[in-house]
């Protein structure tokens, strides 16, 4: 098995604690409101904490697709959230799972910086497909900005 690591930073004008709440704790409700292609987010196993598996169903290219998202760890004090995509779109035949280690830290002017480490755990000697890596980054960035936009458009959100 190979592990291929990618690191990304994303900035936001929203304070870290507020953004963390939206991205981690309220995303199941916010995401279907702000991303037209996402139809449902449902817990298929667990209680919302570590070990929980969520099924995210969405439309893409006229097809109904899904991903299974497993929560690995949540640390509210450190604003850290770790999860894996274990099945569905983006997990090709050569990928065992994709893990995400996310952290929000103080950014400029009261905003925040999202730091994300993405690890593709591949089968055998396989390497991640670069187009899938880029598509995944584009989708993550769009989702992050959609949730940020929701928080900014709803000043009473907290």
N, C-alpha and C. Protein backbone atom coordinates (compact mmCIF):
# COMPACT_ATOMS: atom_id res chain seq x y z
N UNK A 1 0.84 -1.18 0.00
CA UNK A 1 0.00 0.00 0.00
C UNK A 1 0.89 1.24 0.00
N UNK A 2 0.47 2.23 -0.79
CA UNK A 2 1.16 3.51 -0.80
C UNK A 2 0.31 4.58 -0.13
N UNK A 3 0.97 5.58 0.41
CA UNK A 3 0.28 6.73 0.99
C UNK A 3 0.85 7.98 0.32
N UNK A 4 -0.03 8.74 -0.32
CA UNK A 4 0.36 9.95 -1.03
C UNK A 4 -0.29 11.13 -0.33
N UNK A 5 0.52 12.09 0.09
CA UNK A 5 0.05 13.19 0.93
C UNK A 5 0.05 14.51 0.16
N UNK A 6 -1.03 15.25 0.33
CA UNK A 6 -1.19 16.58 -0.26
C UNK A 6 -1.61 17.53 0.85
N UNK A 7 -1.08 18.75 0.83
CA UNK A 7 -1.44 19.74 1.85
C UNK A 7 -1.99 20.99 1.18
N UNK A 8 -3.07 21.53 1.78
CA UNK A 8 -3.74 22.70 1.24
C UNK A 8 -4.09 23.66 2.37
N UNK A 9 -4.08 24.96 2.07
CA UNK A 9 -4.57 25.98 2.98
C UNK A 9 -5.68 26.74 2.28
N UNK A 10 -6.69 27.13 3.05
CA UNK A 10 -7.80 27.93 2.55
C UNK A 10 -8.08 29.02 3.57
N UNK A 11 -8.29 30.24 3.11
CA UNK A 11 -8.56 31.33 4.03
C UNK A 11 -10.04 31.68 4.05
N UNK A 12 -10.46 32.26 5.16
CA UNK A 12 -11.84 32.68 5.34
C UNK A 12 -11.87 33.95 6.18
N UNK A 13 -12.89 34.75 5.99
CA UNK A 13 -13.08 35.94 6.82
C UNK A 13 -13.85 35.62 8.09
N UNK A 14 -14.34 34.38 8.22
CA UNK A 14 -15.12 33.95 9.39
C UNK A 14 -14.16 33.47 10.48
N UNK A 15 -14.48 33.82 11.72
CA UNK A 15 -13.66 33.39 12.86
C UNK A 15 -13.60 31.87 12.94
N UNK A 16 -12.47 31.31 13.40
CA UNK A 16 -12.29 29.86 13.41
C UNK A 16 -13.38 29.07 14.15
N UNK A 17 -13.75 29.46 15.37
CA UNK A 17 -14.72 28.68 16.14
C UNK A 17 -16.09 28.66 15.46
N UNK A 18 -16.50 29.78 14.91
CA UNK A 18 -17.80 29.86 14.23
C UNK A 18 -17.79 29.00 12.96
N UNK A 19 -16.71 29.10 12.20
CA UNK A 19 -16.60 28.31 10.97
C UNK A 19 -16.51 26.82 11.27
N UNK A 20 -15.79 26.46 12.32
CA UNK A 20 -15.68 25.05 12.72
C UNK A 20 -17.06 24.47 13.04
N UNK A 21 -17.86 25.23 13.78
CA UNK A 21 -19.20 24.78 14.12
C UNK A 21 -20.01 24.51 12.86
N UNK A 22 -19.93 25.43 11.89
CA UNK A 22 -20.67 25.27 10.64
C UNK A 22 -20.17 24.09 9.82
N UNK A 23 -18.85 23.99 9.68
CA UNK A 23 -18.26 22.95 8.82
C UNK A 23 -18.37 21.56 9.44
N UNK A 24 -18.25 21.47 10.76
CA UNK A 24 -18.21 20.15 11.42
C UNK A 24 -19.55 19.76 12.02
N UNK A 25 -20.11 20.63 12.82
CA UNK A 25 -21.30 20.24 13.58
C UNK A 25 -22.63 20.49 12.86
N UNK A 26 -22.69 21.47 11.98
CA UNK A 26 -23.95 21.81 11.33
C UNK A 26 -23.96 21.53 9.83
N UNK A 27 -22.91 20.97 9.32
CA UNK A 27 -22.78 20.75 7.87
C UNK A 27 -23.89 19.86 7.31
N UNK A 28 -24.35 18.87 8.07
CA UNK A 28 -25.38 17.97 7.56
C UNK A 28 -26.66 18.72 7.19
N UNK A 29 -26.93 19.81 7.89
CA UNK A 29 -28.11 20.63 7.63
C UNK A 29 -27.78 21.73 6.61
N UNK A 30 -26.62 22.35 6.73
CA UNK A 30 -26.26 23.47 5.87
C UNK A 30 -25.99 23.03 4.43
N UNK A 31 -25.23 21.97 4.24
CA UNK A 31 -24.76 21.58 2.91
C UNK A 31 -25.90 21.35 1.91
N UNK A 32 -26.95 20.59 2.24
CA UNK A 32 -28.02 20.44 1.24
C UNK A 32 -28.72 21.77 0.89
N UNK A 33 -28.63 22.76 1.77
CA UNK A 33 -29.22 24.08 1.50
C UNK A 33 -28.37 24.90 0.54
N UNK A 34 -27.05 24.74 0.60
CA UNK A 34 -26.16 25.62 -0.15
C UNK A 34 -25.51 24.99 -1.37
N UNK A 35 -25.61 23.68 -1.52
CA UNK A 35 -25.04 22.99 -2.68
C UNK A 35 -26.18 22.23 -3.36
N UNK A 36 -26.63 22.76 -4.50
CA UNK A 36 -27.79 22.19 -5.19
C UNK A 36 -27.62 20.71 -5.54
N UNK A 37 -26.41 20.29 -5.87
CA UNK A 37 -26.20 18.91 -6.30
C UNK A 37 -26.28 17.92 -5.14
N UNK A 38 -26.08 18.38 -3.90
CA UNK A 38 -26.14 17.46 -2.76
C UNK A 38 -27.59 17.35 -2.31
N UNK A 39 -28.09 16.14 -2.33
CA UNK A 39 -29.50 15.89 -2.01
C UNK A 39 -29.72 15.51 -0.56
N UNK A 40 -28.87 14.63 -0.02
CA UNK A 40 -29.06 14.21 1.37
C UNK A 40 -27.71 13.94 2.03
N UNK A 41 -27.70 14.13 3.35
CA UNK A 41 -26.59 13.71 4.20
C UNK A 41 -27.25 12.94 5.33
N UNK A 42 -26.97 11.65 5.41
CA UNK A 42 -27.62 10.84 6.43
C UNK A 42 -26.61 9.97 7.18
N UNK A 43 -26.84 9.82 8.47
CA UNK A 43 -26.01 8.93 9.27
C UNK A 43 -26.48 7.51 9.04
N UNK A 44 -25.56 6.64 8.62
CA UNK A 44 -25.90 5.23 8.41
C UNK A 44 -25.38 4.35 9.53
N UNK A 45 -24.49 4.91 10.35
CA UNK A 45 -23.94 4.17 11.49
C UNK A 45 -23.36 5.17 12.48
N UNK A 46 -23.64 5.01 13.75
CA UNK A 46 -23.05 5.85 14.78
C UNK A 46 -23.97 6.94 15.29
N UNK A 47 -23.39 7.81 16.13
CA UNK A 47 -24.17 8.84 16.80
C UNK A 47 -23.69 10.25 16.49
N UNK A 48 -22.84 10.42 15.48
CA UNK A 48 -22.32 11.74 15.13
C UNK A 48 -20.89 11.97 15.57
N UNK A 49 -20.38 11.14 16.47
CA UNK A 49 -19.01 11.27 16.94
C UNK A 49 -18.07 10.36 16.15
N UNK A 50 -16.83 10.18 16.64
CA UNK A 50 -15.88 9.30 15.97
C UNK A 50 -16.47 7.91 15.74
N UNK A 51 -16.20 7.37 14.56
CA UNK A 51 -16.75 6.08 14.17
C UNK A 51 -18.03 6.18 13.37
N UNK A 52 -18.66 7.35 13.38
CA UNK A 52 -19.89 7.56 12.62
C UNK A 52 -19.61 7.51 11.13
N UNK A 53 -20.51 6.87 10.39
CA UNK A 53 -20.43 6.82 8.93
C UNK A 53 -21.64 7.56 8.37
N UNK A 54 -21.36 8.50 7.46
CA UNK A 54 -22.42 9.28 6.81
C UNK A 54 -22.43 8.96 5.32
N UNK A 55 -23.62 8.92 4.77
CA UNK A 55 -23.77 8.75 3.33
C UNK A 55 -24.22 10.08 2.75
N UNK A 56 -23.42 10.60 1.84
CA UNK A 56 -23.73 11.86 1.18
C UNK A 56 -24.13 11.53 -0.25
N UNK A 57 -25.38 11.82 -0.59
CA UNK A 57 -25.93 11.51 -1.91
C UNK A 57 -26.04 12.80 -2.71
N UNK A 58 -25.62 12.74 -3.97
CA UNK A 58 -25.64 13.93 -4.81
C UNK A 58 -25.85 13.56 -6.27
N UNK A 59 -26.20 14.57 -7.06
CA UNK A 59 -26.37 14.40 -8.50
C UNK A 59 -25.17 14.99 -9.21
N UNK A 60 -24.65 14.23 -10.17
CA UNK A 60 -23.53 14.71 -10.98
C UNK A 60 -23.68 14.11 -12.36
N UNK A 61 -23.71 14.97 -13.36
CA UNK A 61 -23.86 14.49 -14.74
C UNK A 61 -25.14 13.69 -14.95
N UNK A 62 -26.20 14.04 -14.24
CA UNK A 62 -27.48 13.35 -14.38
C UNK A 62 -27.56 12.03 -13.63
N UNK A 63 -26.50 11.67 -12.93
CA UNK A 63 -26.48 10.41 -12.17
C UNK A 63 -26.55 10.70 -10.68
N UNK A 64 -27.21 9.80 -9.95
CA UNK A 64 -27.22 9.88 -8.50
C UNK A 64 -26.01 9.10 -8.00
N UNK A 65 -25.14 9.79 -7.26
CA UNK A 65 -23.90 9.19 -6.76
C UNK A 65 -23.83 9.40 -5.26
N UNK A 66 -22.83 8.78 -4.63
CA UNK A 66 -22.68 8.94 -3.19
C UNK A 66 -21.23 8.77 -2.78
N UNK A 67 -20.95 9.19 -1.53
CA UNK A 67 -19.70 8.86 -0.85
C UNK A 67 -20.05 8.45 0.57
N UNK A 68 -19.27 7.55 1.13
CA UNK A 68 -19.38 7.22 2.55
C UNK A 68 -18.23 7.92 3.25
N UNK A 69 -18.59 8.71 4.24
CA UNK A 69 -17.70 9.59 4.98
C UNK A 69 -17.65 9.08 6.42
N UNK A 70 -16.46 8.65 6.88
CA UNK A 70 -16.32 8.12 8.24
C UNK A 70 -15.57 9.12 9.10
N UNK A 71 -16.19 9.51 10.22
CA UNK A 71 -15.55 10.43 11.15
C UNK A 71 -14.51 9.66 11.95
N UNK A 72 -13.27 10.15 11.90
CA UNK A 72 -12.18 9.52 12.64
C UNK A 72 -11.97 10.19 14.00
N UNK A 73 -12.02 11.54 14.03
CA UNK A 73 -11.78 12.28 15.27
C UNK A 73 -12.35 13.69 15.16
N UNK A 74 -12.86 14.19 16.29
CA UNK A 74 -13.31 15.58 16.39
C UNK A 74 -12.70 16.13 17.68
N UNK A 75 -12.00 17.27 17.57
CA UNK A 75 -11.45 17.93 18.75
C UNK A 75 -11.92 19.38 18.72
N UNK A 76 -13.00 19.65 19.47
CA UNK A 76 -13.58 20.99 19.49
C UNK A 76 -12.61 22.02 20.07
N UNK A 77 -11.82 21.65 21.05
CA UNK A 77 -10.89 22.59 21.68
C UNK A 77 -9.78 23.02 20.71
N UNK A 78 -9.30 22.09 19.91
CA UNK A 78 -8.21 22.40 18.96
C UNK A 78 -8.73 22.74 17.56
N UNK A 79 -10.07 22.67 17.38
CA UNK A 79 -10.70 22.93 16.08
C UNK A 79 -10.13 22.00 15.01
N UNK A 80 -10.06 20.71 15.35
CA UNK A 80 -9.55 19.69 14.43
C UNK A 80 -10.63 18.67 14.13
N UNK A 81 -10.65 18.23 12.88
CA UNK A 81 -11.65 17.27 12.41
C UNK A 81 -10.97 16.33 11.41
N UNK A 82 -10.99 15.05 11.70
CA UNK A 82 -10.38 14.06 10.82
C UNK A 82 -11.46 13.09 10.35
N UNK A 83 -11.45 12.81 9.06
CA UNK A 83 -12.43 11.89 8.49
C UNK A 83 -11.83 11.18 7.29
N UNK A 84 -12.53 10.15 6.84
CA UNK A 84 -12.09 9.39 5.66
C UNK A 84 -13.25 9.20 4.71
N UNK A 85 -12.94 9.17 3.44
CA UNK A 85 -13.90 8.73 2.43
C UNK A 85 -13.53 7.27 2.18
N UNK A 86 -14.47 6.37 2.48
CA UNK A 86 -14.15 4.95 2.43
C UNK A 86 -14.85 4.20 1.29
N UNK A 87 -15.78 4.88 0.63
CA UNK A 87 -16.51 4.23 -0.46
C UNK A 87 -17.20 5.30 -1.28
N UNK A 88 -17.41 5.01 -2.56
CA UNK A 88 -18.17 5.90 -3.42
C UNK A 88 -17.28 6.64 -4.42
N UNK A 89 -17.83 7.72 -4.96
CA UNK A 89 -17.13 8.51 -5.97
C UNK A 89 -15.81 9.02 -5.40
N UNK A 90 -14.76 8.94 -6.20
CA UNK A 90 -13.45 9.41 -5.76
C UNK A 90 -12.59 8.29 -5.19
N UNK A 91 -13.23 7.19 -4.81
CA UNK A 91 -12.48 6.04 -4.32
C UNK A 91 -12.45 5.03 -5.46
N UNK A 92 -11.45 5.20 -6.32
CA UNK A 92 -11.33 4.34 -7.50
C UNK A 92 -10.86 2.94 -7.10
N UNK A 93 -10.75 2.08 -8.07
CA UNK A 93 -10.32 0.69 -7.82
C UNK A 93 -8.92 0.61 -7.22
N UNK A 94 -8.12 1.65 -7.42
CA UNK A 94 -6.74 1.63 -6.93
C UNK A 94 -6.59 2.31 -5.57
N UNK A 95 -7.68 2.88 -5.04
CA UNK A 95 -7.62 3.60 -3.77
C UNK A 95 -8.38 2.83 -2.70
N UNK A 96 -7.73 2.62 -1.56
CA UNK A 96 -8.38 1.95 -0.43
C UNK A 96 -9.27 2.93 0.32
N UNK A 97 -8.73 4.13 0.60
CA UNK A 97 -9.48 5.19 1.26
C UNK A 97 -8.72 6.49 1.10
N UNK A 98 -9.42 7.59 1.38
CA UNK A 98 -8.81 8.92 1.36
C UNK A 98 -9.06 9.52 2.73
N UNK A 99 -7.99 9.91 3.43
CA UNK A 99 -8.15 10.48 4.76
C UNK A 99 -7.89 11.99 4.71
N UNK A 100 -8.60 12.70 5.59
CA UNK A 100 -8.51 14.15 5.65
C UNK A 100 -8.26 14.56 7.09
N UNK A 101 -7.24 15.37 7.29
CA UNK A 101 -6.94 15.93 8.61
C UNK A 101 -7.09 17.43 8.46
N UNK A 102 -8.15 17.98 9.08
CA UNK A 102 -8.47 19.40 8.91
C UNK A 102 -8.33 20.13 10.24
N UNK A 103 -7.85 21.36 10.16
CA UNK A 103 -7.69 22.19 11.35
C UNK A 103 -7.93 23.64 10.95
N UNK A 104 -8.65 24.36 11.81
CA UNK A 104 -8.84 25.79 11.61
C UNK A 104 -8.01 26.54 12.62
N UNK A 105 -7.29 27.56 12.16
CA UNK A 105 -6.46 28.40 13.03
C UNK A 105 -6.80 29.86 12.76
N UNK A 106 -6.37 30.72 13.69
CA UNK A 106 -6.58 32.16 13.54
C UNK A 106 -5.92 32.63 12.25
N UNK A 107 -6.66 33.46 11.53
CA UNK A 107 -6.12 34.05 10.31
C UNK A 107 -6.07 35.55 10.46
N UNK A 108 -5.79 36.24 9.38
CA UNK A 108 -5.70 37.70 9.45
C UNK A 108 -7.06 38.35 9.69
N UNK A 109 -7.06 39.46 10.40
CA UNK A 109 -8.25 40.30 10.61
C UNK A 109 -9.43 39.56 11.22
N UNK A 110 -9.17 38.64 12.14
CA UNK A 110 -10.26 37.92 12.81
C UNK A 110 -10.80 36.75 12.02
N UNK A 111 -10.27 36.49 10.87
CA UNK A 111 -10.71 35.36 10.05
C UNK A 111 -9.98 34.09 10.44
N UNK A 112 -9.97 33.14 9.53
CA UNK A 112 -9.33 31.87 9.82
C UNK A 112 -8.60 31.32 8.61
N UNK A 113 -7.74 30.37 8.89
CA UNK A 113 -7.05 29.62 7.84
C UNK A 113 -7.38 28.15 8.08
N UNK A 114 -7.91 27.51 7.05
CA UNK A 114 -8.17 26.08 7.10
C UNK A 114 -6.96 25.34 6.56
N UNK A 115 -6.42 24.45 7.37
CA UNK A 115 -5.26 23.66 6.96
C UNK A 115 -5.73 22.23 6.77
N UNK A 116 -5.51 21.68 5.59
CA UNK A 116 -6.00 20.35 5.26
C UNK A 116 -4.85 19.49 4.74
N UNK A 117 -4.72 18.31 5.34
CA UNK A 117 -3.80 17.30 4.83
C UNK A 117 -4.65 16.16 4.31
N UNK A 118 -4.46 15.82 3.04
CA UNK A 118 -5.22 14.76 2.39
C UNK A 118 -4.26 13.63 2.07
N UNK A 119 -4.63 12.41 2.48
CA UNK A 119 -3.78 11.25 2.21
C UNK A 119 -4.57 10.22 1.42
N UNK A 120 -4.04 9.88 0.26
CA UNK A 120 -4.61 8.82 -0.57
C UNK A 120 -3.90 7.53 -0.21
N UNK A 121 -4.64 6.57 0.32
CA UNK A 121 -4.10 5.26 0.66
C UNK A 121 -4.43 4.35 -0.53
N UNK A 122 -3.41 4.02 -1.29
CA UNK A 122 -3.62 3.25 -2.51
C UNK A 122 -3.33 1.77 -2.31
N UNK A 123 -3.86 0.98 -3.21
CA UNK A 123 -3.65 -0.46 -3.18
C UNK A 123 -2.38 -0.80 -3.96
N UNK A 124 -1.58 -1.68 -3.39
CA UNK A 124 -0.37 -2.11 -4.07
C UNK A 124 0.55 -0.96 -4.39
N UNK A 125 1.06 -0.96 -5.63
CA UNK A 125 1.98 0.08 -6.07
C UNK A 125 1.28 1.22 -6.80
N UNK A 126 -0.03 1.24 -6.77
CA UNK A 126 -0.80 2.24 -7.51
C UNK A 126 -0.54 3.64 -6.98
N UNK A 127 -0.67 4.61 -7.88
CA UNK A 127 -0.57 6.02 -7.52
C UNK A 127 -1.95 6.64 -7.73
N UNK A 128 -2.25 7.70 -7.00
CA UNK A 128 -3.55 8.36 -7.22
C UNK A 128 -3.63 8.91 -8.64
N UNK A 129 -4.83 8.95 -9.17
CA UNK A 129 -5.05 9.53 -10.49
C UNK A 129 -5.10 11.05 -10.31
N UNK A 130 -4.18 11.74 -10.95
CA UNK A 130 -4.03 13.18 -10.72
C UNK A 130 -5.31 13.96 -10.98
N UNK A 131 -6.09 13.58 -11.97
CA UNK A 131 -7.35 14.27 -12.25
C UNK A 131 -8.31 14.11 -11.08
N UNK A 132 -8.35 12.94 -10.46
CA UNK A 132 -9.21 12.73 -9.29
C UNK A 132 -8.74 13.57 -8.11
N UNK A 133 -7.43 13.71 -7.94
CA UNK A 133 -6.88 14.53 -6.87
C UNK A 133 -7.31 15.99 -7.08
N UNK A 134 -7.15 16.49 -8.31
CA UNK A 134 -7.52 17.88 -8.62
C UNK A 134 -9.03 18.10 -8.51
N UNK A 135 -9.82 17.15 -9.01
CA UNK A 135 -11.28 17.26 -8.90
C UNK A 135 -11.70 17.29 -7.43
N UNK A 136 -11.08 16.47 -6.62
CA UNK A 136 -11.39 16.43 -5.19
C UNK A 136 -11.08 17.76 -4.53
N UNK A 137 -9.94 18.34 -4.86
CA UNK A 137 -9.57 19.65 -4.29
C UNK A 137 -10.58 20.71 -4.70
N UNK A 138 -10.96 20.73 -5.97
CA UNK A 138 -11.92 21.71 -6.46
C UNK A 138 -13.26 21.58 -5.72
N UNK A 139 -13.72 20.35 -5.53
CA UNK A 139 -14.99 20.12 -4.83
C UNK A 139 -14.90 20.51 -3.36
N UNK A 140 -13.78 20.18 -2.70
CA UNK A 140 -13.61 20.55 -1.28
C UNK A 140 -13.59 22.07 -1.12
N UNK A 141 -12.87 22.75 -2.01
CA UNK A 141 -12.81 24.21 -1.95
C UNK A 141 -14.20 24.82 -2.14
N UNK A 142 -14.95 24.32 -3.10
CA UNK A 142 -16.29 24.84 -3.37
C UNK A 142 -17.21 24.60 -2.17
N UNK A 143 -17.12 23.43 -1.56
CA UNK A 143 -17.95 23.12 -0.40
C UNK A 143 -17.60 24.04 0.77
N UNK A 144 -16.33 24.23 1.02
CA UNK A 144 -15.86 25.11 2.10
C UNK A 144 -16.40 26.52 1.88
N UNK A 145 -16.27 27.04 0.66
CA UNK A 145 -16.72 28.39 0.36
C UNK A 145 -18.25 28.50 0.44
N UNK A 146 -18.97 27.44 0.08
CA UNK A 146 -20.43 27.46 0.19
C UNK A 146 -20.86 27.55 1.64
N UNK A 147 -20.21 26.79 2.52
CA UNK A 147 -20.54 26.85 3.95
C UNK A 147 -20.15 28.21 4.51
N UNK A 148 -18.99 28.71 4.14
CA UNK A 148 -18.57 30.04 4.56
C UNK A 148 -19.60 31.08 4.11
N UNK A 149 -20.06 30.98 2.88
CA UNK A 149 -21.05 31.91 2.36
C UNK A 149 -22.34 31.87 3.16
N UNK A 150 -22.76 30.68 3.56
CA UNK A 150 -23.97 30.54 4.38
C UNK A 150 -23.80 31.29 5.70
N UNK A 151 -22.67 31.12 6.34
CA UNK A 151 -22.41 31.79 7.62
C UNK A 151 -22.42 33.31 7.43
N UNK A 152 -21.77 33.78 6.36
CA UNK A 152 -21.71 35.22 6.11
C UNK A 152 -23.09 35.81 5.78
N UNK A 153 -23.92 35.04 5.08
CA UNK A 153 -25.26 35.51 4.71
C UNK A 153 -26.28 35.42 5.84
N UNK A 154 -25.92 34.73 6.90
CA UNK A 154 -26.81 34.56 8.05
C UNK A 154 -26.12 35.12 9.29
N UNK A 155 -26.17 36.43 9.49
CA UNK A 155 -25.42 37.06 10.58
C UNK A 155 -25.82 36.57 11.98
N UNK A 156 -26.98 35.97 12.12
CA UNK A 156 -27.40 35.45 13.43
C UNK A 156 -26.92 34.02 13.67
N UNK A 157 -26.23 33.44 12.68
CA UNK A 157 -25.71 32.09 12.85
C UNK A 157 -24.60 32.10 13.90
N UNK A 158 -24.69 31.19 14.86
CA UNK A 158 -23.59 31.06 15.83
C UNK A 158 -23.62 29.73 16.52
